C-alpha atoms as a PDB file:
ATOM      1  CA  MET A   1      -0.036   0.102  -0.001  1.00  0.00           C
ATOM      2  CA  ILE A   2       1.485   3.427  -0.910  1.00  0.00           C
ATOM      3  CA  GLN A   3       1.480   5.837   2.027  1.00  0.00           C
ATOM      4  CA  VAL A   4       0.924   9.640   1.520  1.00  0.00           C
ATOM      5  CA  SER A   5       4.723  10.078   2.646  1.00  0.00           C
ATOM      6  CA  ASP A   6       5.657   8.222  -0.456  1.00  0.00           C
ATOM      7  CA  HIS A   7       4.635  10.990  -2.564  1.00  0.00           C
ATOM      8  CA  TYR A   8       6.347  14.221  -3.561  1.00  0.00           C
ATOM      9  CA  TYR A   9       2.725  15.964  -3.249  1.00  0.00           C
ATOM     10  CA  GLN A  10      -0.090  14.845  -1.198  1.00  0.00           C
ATOM     11  CA  ALA A  11      -2.576  16.546  -3.669  1.00  0.00           C
ATOM     12  CA  HIS A  12      -2.106  17.580  -7.102  1.00  0.00           C
ATOM     13  CA  VAL A  13      -4.748  19.727  -8.605  1.00  0.00           C
ATOM     14  CA  PHE A  14      -4.943  20.262 -12.292  1.00  0.00           C
ATOM     15  CA  VAL A  15      -7.163  23.208 -13.413  1.00  0.00           C
ATOM     16  CA  CYS A  16      -8.297  23.502 -16.947  1.00  0.00           C
ATOM     17  CA  GLN A  17      -6.949  26.498 -18.827  1.00  0.00           C
ATOM     18  CA  ASN A  18      -7.932  25.404 -22.256  1.00  0.00           C
ATOM     19  CA  GLU A  19      -9.112  28.187 -24.728  1.00  0.00           C
ATOM     20  CA  ARG A  20     -11.305  27.625 -27.958  1.00  0.00           C
ATOM     21  CA  PRO A  21     -12.277  30.267 -30.199  1.00  0.00           C
ATOM     22  CA  ALA A  22     -14.910  32.480 -29.583  1.00  0.00           C
ATOM     23  CA  GLY A  23     -18.466  30.708 -30.134  1.00  0.00           C
ATOM     24  CA  HIS A  24     -17.129  27.147 -30.144  1.00  0.00           C
ATOM     25  CA  GLU A  25     -19.900  24.554 -29.747  1.00  0.00           C
ATOM     26  CA  ARG A  26     -18.254  22.993 -26.592  1.00  0.00           C
ATOM     27  CA  GLY A  27     -17.076  26.181 -24.986  1.00  0.00           C
ATOM     28  CA  CYS A  28     -14.110  26.511 -22.916  1.00  0.00           C
ATOM     29  CA  CYS A  29     -12.924  26.786 -19.266  1.00  0.00           C
ATOM     30  CA  ASN A  30     -10.879  29.625 -19.939  1.00  0.00           C
ATOM     31  CA  SER A  31     -13.808  31.901 -21.259  1.00  0.00           C
ATOM     32  CA  LYS A  32     -15.519  31.162 -18.128  1.00  0.00           C
ATOM     33  CA  GLY A  33     -13.087  32.462 -15.835  1.00  0.00           C
ATOM     34  CA  ALA A  34     -10.598  29.649 -15.113  1.00  0.00           C
ATOM     35  CA  THR A  35      -7.493  31.658 -15.187  1.00  0.00           C
ATOM     36  CA  LYS A  36      -8.639  34.129 -12.749  1.00  0.00           C
ATOM     37  CA  LEU A  37     -10.042  31.480 -10.512  1.00  0.00           C
ATOM     38  CA  ARG A  38      -6.821  29.453 -10.636  1.00  0.00           C
ATOM     39  CA  ASN A  39      -4.638  32.382  -9.729  1.00  0.00           C
ATOM     40  CA  TYR A  40      -6.911  32.984  -6.855  1.00  0.00           C
ATOM     41  CA  MET A  41      -6.597  29.455  -5.703  1.00  0.00           C
ATOM     42  CA  LYS A  42      -2.773  29.216  -6.083  1.00  0.00           C
ATOM     43  CA  VAL A  43      -2.618  32.610  -3.950  1.00  0.00           C
ATOM     44  CA  ARG A  44      -4.874  31.308  -1.461  1.00  0.00           C
ATOM     45  CA  ALA A  45      -3.532  27.990  -1.025  1.00  0.00           C
ATOM     46  CA  LYS A  46      -0.150  29.397  -0.132  1.00  0.00           C
ATOM     47  CA  GLU A  47      -1.864  31.743   2.349  1.00  0.00           C
ATOM     48  CA  LEU A  48      -3.345  28.994   4.192  1.00  0.00           C
ATOM     49  CA  GLY A  49      -0.155  27.082   4.113  1.00  0.00           C
ATOM     50  CA  ILE A  50      -1.683  23.985   2.609  1.00  0.00           C
ATOM     51  CA  PRO A  51       1.514  21.593   2.612  1.00  0.00           C
ATOM     52  CA  MET A  52       2.501  19.090  -0.110  1.00  0.00           C
ATOM     53  CA  THR A  53      -0.071  20.797  -2.516  1.00  0.00           C
ATOM     54  CA  ARG A  54       0.733  21.563  -6.278  1.00  0.00           C
ATOM     55  CA  ILE A  55      -1.991  23.608  -8.132  1.00  0.00           C
ATOM     56  CA  ASN A  56      -1.067  23.384 -12.065  1.00  0.00           C
ATOM     57  CA  THR A  57      -2.644  24.707 -15.006  1.00  0.00           C
ATOM     58  CA  ALA A  58      -4.079  21.844 -17.326  1.00  0.00           C
ATOM     59  CA  GLY A  59      -4.936  21.953 -21.081  1.00  0.00           C
ATOM     60  CA  CYS A  60      -8.035  20.611 -22.112  1.00  0.00           C
ATOM     61  CA  LEU A  61      -9.662  18.084 -19.490  1.00  0.00           C
ATOM     62  CA  ASP A  62     -12.488  17.264 -21.996  1.00  0.00           C
ATOM     63  CA  ARG A  63     -15.513  18.128 -19.998  1.00  0.00           C
ATOM     64  CA  CYS A  64     -15.556  21.567 -21.693  1.00  0.00           C
ATOM     65  CA  GLU A  65     -19.335  22.025 -21.556  1.00  0.00           C
ATOM     66  CA  LEU A  66     -19.312  21.642 -17.925  1.00  0.00           C
ATOM     67  CA  GLY A  67     -16.347  24.030 -17.167  1.00  0.00           C
ATOM     68  CA  PRO A  68     -14.680  25.638 -15.788  1.00  0.00           C
ATOM     69  CA  VAL A  69     -13.336  22.145 -14.273  1.00  0.00           C
ATOM     70  CA  MET A  70     -10.482  20.951 -12.165  1.00  0.00           C
ATOM     71  CA  VAL A  71      -9.338  17.316 -10.910  1.00  0.00           C
ATOM     72  CA  ILE A  72      -7.556  16.544  -7.896  1.00  0.00           C
ATOM     73  CA  TYR A  73      -5.335  13.523  -7.587  1.00  0.00           C
ATOM     74  CA  PRO A  74      -4.791  10.979  -6.014  1.00  0.00           C
ATOM     75  CA  GLU A  75      -8.449  10.653  -5.300  1.00  0.00           C
ATOM     76  CA  GLY A  76      -9.232  11.658  -8.830  1.00  0.00           C
ATOM     77  CA  THR A  77     -11.862  14.167  -7.673  1.00  0.00           C
ATOM     78  CA  TRP A  78     -13.580  16.333 -10.247  1.00  0.00           C
ATOM     79  CA  TYR A  79     -15.089  19.662  -9.512  1.00  0.00           C
ATOM     80  CA  ARG A  80     -17.019  22.409 -11.358  1.00  0.00           C
ATOM     81  CA  TYR A  81     -16.536  25.654  -9.870  1.00  0.00           C
ATOM     82  CA  GLU A  82     -17.736  29.444 -10.738  1.00  0.00           C
ATOM     83  CA  THR A  83     -16.791  31.754  -7.631  1.00  0.00           C
ATOM     84  CA  THR A  84     -13.871  32.367  -5.417  1.00  0.00           C
ATOM     85  CA  GLU A  85     -16.422  30.989  -2.734  1.00  0.00           C
ATOM     86  CA  ASP A  86     -16.310  27.575  -4.667  1.00  0.00           C
ATOM     87  CA  ILE A  87     -12.653  27.710  -4.664  1.00  0.00           C
ATOM     88  CA  ASP A  88     -12.543  28.344  -0.637  1.00  0.00           C
ATOM     89  CA  ALA A  89     -14.685  25.522  -0.122  1.00  0.00           C
ATOM     90  CA  ILE A  90     -12.499  23.313  -2.196  1.00  0.00           C
ATOM     91  CA  LEU A  91      -9.357  24.438  -0.504  1.00  0.00           C
ATOM     92  CA  ASP A  92     -10.992  24.409   2.934  1.00  0.00           C
ATOM     93  CA  ASP A  93     -13.192  21.120   3.008  1.00  0.00           C
ATOM     94  CA  HIS A  94     -11.301  19.049   0.196  1.00  0.00           C
ATOM     95  CA  LEU A  95      -7.327  19.871   0.423  1.00  0.00           C
ATOM     96  CA  VAL A  96      -7.432  20.981   4.235  1.00  0.00           C
ATOM     97  CA  GLY A  97     -10.530  18.619   5.469  1.00  0.00           C
ATOM     98  CA  GLY A  98     -10.112  15.731   3.484  1.00  0.00           C
ATOM     99  CA  GLN A  99     -13.928  16.188   2.558  1.00  0.00           C
ATOM    100  CA  VAL A 100     -15.522  16.173  -1.009  1.00  0.00           C
ATOM    101  CA  VAL A 101     -17.496  19.295  -1.585  1.00  0.00           C
ATOM    102  CA  GLY A 102     -20.732  17.258  -2.831  1.00  0.00           C
ATOM    103  CA  ARG A 103     -22.264  20.590  -4.327  1.00  0.00           C
ATOM    104  CA  LEU A 104     -19.584  21.076  -6.848  1.00  0.00           C
ATOM    105  CA  GLN A 105     -18.397  17.381  -7.333  1.00  0.00           C
ATOM    106  CA  LEU A 106     -18.884  16.071 -10.914  1.00  0.00           C
ATOM    107  CA  SER A 107     -20.063  12.859 -11.579  1.00  0.00           C
ATOM    108  CA  PRO A 108     -18.339  10.167 -13.828  1.00  0.00           C
ATOM    109  CA  ASP A 109     -21.360  10.221 -16.100  1.00  0.00           C
ATOM    110  CA  GLN A 110     -21.522  14.016 -16.572  1.00  0.00           C
END
């Protein structure tokens, strides 16, 4: 069994920053505020001193219609978010508290 201490990061957050042309039928996370919210998340995580966590920019995560989206590993939990309050809930509840934020979680069939 892999122990948390066996990983360089305890949590790795991939935040979609994909950008498609305006009017694209699938849309894109970037046009829905993903970059601004990712930047907020990085600053806020540092302020909170969340250890062993990396927040990375990701290309298309292929859930464009649901965006903006992110996925957190090692659990593989997917979230859709829209506001800084949503980001705060993910940071506080998931990354600090270890609890999934149900109201923001995406299911595999979405």
